[in-house]
Protein backbone atom coordinates (compact mmCIF):
# COMPACT_ATOMS: atom_id res chain seq x y z
CA ALA A 1 -24.05 -61.68 -31.87
CA PHE A 2 -22.18 -62.54 -28.97
CA GLN A 3 -19.01 -60.31 -30.40
CA ALA A 4 -21.09 -57.24 -31.28
CA GLU A 5 -22.47 -57.12 -27.94
CA GLU A 6 -18.97 -57.56 -26.49
CA GLU A 7 -17.96 -54.75 -28.75
CA ARG A 8 -20.64 -52.22 -27.88
CA GLY A 9 -19.74 -53.02 -24.06
CA ALA A 10 -16.33 -52.44 -24.40
CA ILE A 11 -17.11 -48.92 -26.38
CA ALA A 12 -19.32 -48.26 -23.77
CA ARG A 13 -16.58 -48.77 -20.97
CA GLU A 14 -14.09 -46.60 -23.36
CA VAL A 15 -16.80 -43.85 -23.31
CA ALA A 16 -17.69 -43.87 -19.84
CA ALA A 17 -14.17 -43.70 -19.14
CA ALA A 18 -13.36 -40.64 -21.09
CA ARG A 19 -16.41 -39.09 -19.50
CA ARG A 20 -14.78 -39.84 -15.95
CA GLU A 21 -11.30 -38.61 -17.36
CA GLU A 22 -12.96 -35.26 -18.65
CA GLU A 23 -15.25 -34.83 -15.33
CA ARG A 24 -11.90 -35.08 -13.43
CA HIS A 25 -10.31 -32.44 -15.37
CA ALA A 26 -13.29 -30.09 -15.22
CA ASP A 27 -12.94 -30.75 -11.73
CA ARG A 28 -9.43 -29.95 -11.31
CA ALA A 29 -10.09 -26.85 -13.35
CA GLY A 30 -12.70 -25.72 -11.26
CA ARG A 31 -10.55 -26.26 -8.25
CA GLU A 32 -7.96 -24.11 -10.04
CA ARG A 33 -9.78 -21.54 -11.00
CA PRO A 34 -11.07 -20.61 -7.46
CA ARG A 35 -7.22 -20.89 -6.12
CA GLU A 36 -6.21 -18.40 -8.98
CA GLU A 37 -8.88 -16.25 -8.51
CA SER A 38 -7.97 -16.37 -4.42
CA GLU A 39 -4.31 -15.74 -5.43
CA ARG A 40 -5.11 -12.82 -7.50
CA ARG A 41 -7.39 -11.17 -4.81
CA GLU A 42 -4.61 -12.02 -2.39
CA GLU A 43 -2.08 -10.02 -4.42
CA GLU A 44 -4.58 -7.16 -4.91
CA ALA A 45 -5.05 -6.84 -1.26
CA GLU A 46 -1.33 -6.94 -0.64
CA GLU A 47 -0.84 -4.51 -3.35
CA ALA A 48 -3.73 -2.27 -1.89
CA HIS A 49 -2.06 -2.28 1.46
CA GLN A 50 1.41 -1.55 0.11
CA GLU A 51 -0.14 1.70 -1.86
CA ALA A 52 -1.99 2.58 1.64
CA GLU A 53 1.24 2.26 3.53
CA GLU A 54 3.10 4.28 0.81
CA ASP A 55 0.45 6.97 1.24
CA ARG A 56 0.49 7.11 4.72
CA GLU A 57 4.47 7.09 4.91
CA ALA A 58 4.26 10.41 2.25
CA ARG A 59 1.81 11.86 4.45
CA GLU A 60 3.98 11.51 7.53
CA ALA A 61 6.79 12.70 5.66
CA GLU A 62 4.73 15.94 4.41
CA ALA A 63 3.72 16.62 8.06
CA ARG A 64 7.08 16.77 9.11
CA ASP A 65 8.17 18.80 6.60
CA GLY A 66 5.64 21.00 7.65
CA ARG A 67 6.25 21.13 11.08
CA ARG A 68 10.05 21.61 10.24
CA ALA A 69 9.22 24.50 8.08
CA ASP A 70 6.94 25.59 10.70
CA LEU A 71 9.44 25.27 13.72
CA GLN A 72 12.53 26.98 11.34
CA ALA A 73 9.91 30.22 10.89
CA HIS A 74 9.25 30.25 14.28
CA GLU A 75 12.82 30.29 15.29
CA GLU A 76 13.74 33.16 12.49
CA ARG A 77 10.94 34.88 13.84
CA LEU A 78 12.34 34.40 17.61
CA ALA A 79 15.72 35.43 16.34
CA ARG A 80 14.51 38.83 15.03
CA GLU A 81 12.73 39.39 18.00
CA LYS A 82 15.64 38.76 20.16
CA GLU A 83 17.70 41.17 17.89
CA ALA A 84 15.00 43.91 18.26
CA ALA A 85 14.84 43.77 21.79
CA ALA A 86 18.84 43.87 21.76
CA GLN A 87 18.96 47.19 19.80
CA ALA A 88 16.31 48.49 21.93
CA LEU A 89 18.12 47.87 25.07
CA ALA A 90 21.34 49.19 23.76
CA GLY A 91 19.49 52.10 22.47
CA LYS A 92 17.97 52.72 26.10
CA ARG A 93 21.67 52.01 27.64
CA ARG A 94 22.82 54.90 25.02
CA GLU A 95 19.93 57.20 26.14
CA SER A 96 20.39 56.90 29.84
CA GLY A 97 24.10 57.00 29.62
CA GLU A 98 23.62 60.25 27.67
CA GLU A 99 21.44 61.58 30.50
CA GLN A 100 23.89 61.35 33.15
C-alpha cells in the first residue's frame, strides 16, 4: 500500500511537471506570436512607407518632366516670336530704305 502510494505520488509529480512544461511552452509560443505579428506589422509598415516614397518620387519626376516640357515649349514660342519680330523689323527697314 505504501509503495502504491509512493508510485501514485511520483506519477502525480511527473504529470504536474509535464503540465508546467506544457504551460511554459504555451507561454513562450504566446510571447513569440505577438512578436512575430509585431515584426510582420513593422515590415508591412516599412513596405508601405517605401511604396509611398517611390510614389512621391515618381510624382516629383513627372512634375519636373512636365515643367521641363512647359519651359521648352515657352522657349520655342519665344524663339518664334523673336524671329517674327526680326523679320518684321527687317521688312520695315527695307520699306524705309525704298522710300528714301
